[in-house]
């Protein structure tokens, strides 16, 4: 099958996990997701794992590894398509609230570096936190709902599979597209 340079396809496996409320904080959720993915692997291997909280469940996307009990997921990106994008991004690592103008610039930069043109975006800034042993982890994050135009399908396919921005191991950077 020939795929033109104007179209890119990507595949991964997705799982939906019910994570107990006690494991919803940043680091505990990270540990729960990794534990579940390691146990579900067909062959022990270090895959690319993205996850996000999604309507009370945790959606996990795994690339480069066969997973038992997962749902194969395919994505196709065509140049100039306009789609809706939802993503939670780290916009600051210093644990302080971020000014909306700084967050907007950071979101635009991450989206455009991933092969998309940001047409319209709504976002809200918040602080995400958790503990790793005695260390407090605090990240300034932005929940983003945007309309984007696909400009570089290969770059978008890569970003869909691997995530964008920082904090992917803590559940940030997983993009969800809607037509």
Foldseek 3Di string as FASTA:
>chain_A
DDDDQQKDKAKWWKDKAQDDPVQPAQPSVLVVVVVQQCVFFPDRDDWQWFWADDPNIIMITTPDTDGPPTHMDMDMAGAFDKWKKKFKAFQFFPQDADDPVSSVVSVQVFQVQLQKHFDDKDKDWDWGWDDDVPDIGITIMITIITIIGGHRNVSNNVCQRRFTHPDRSRRGRHMDIDD
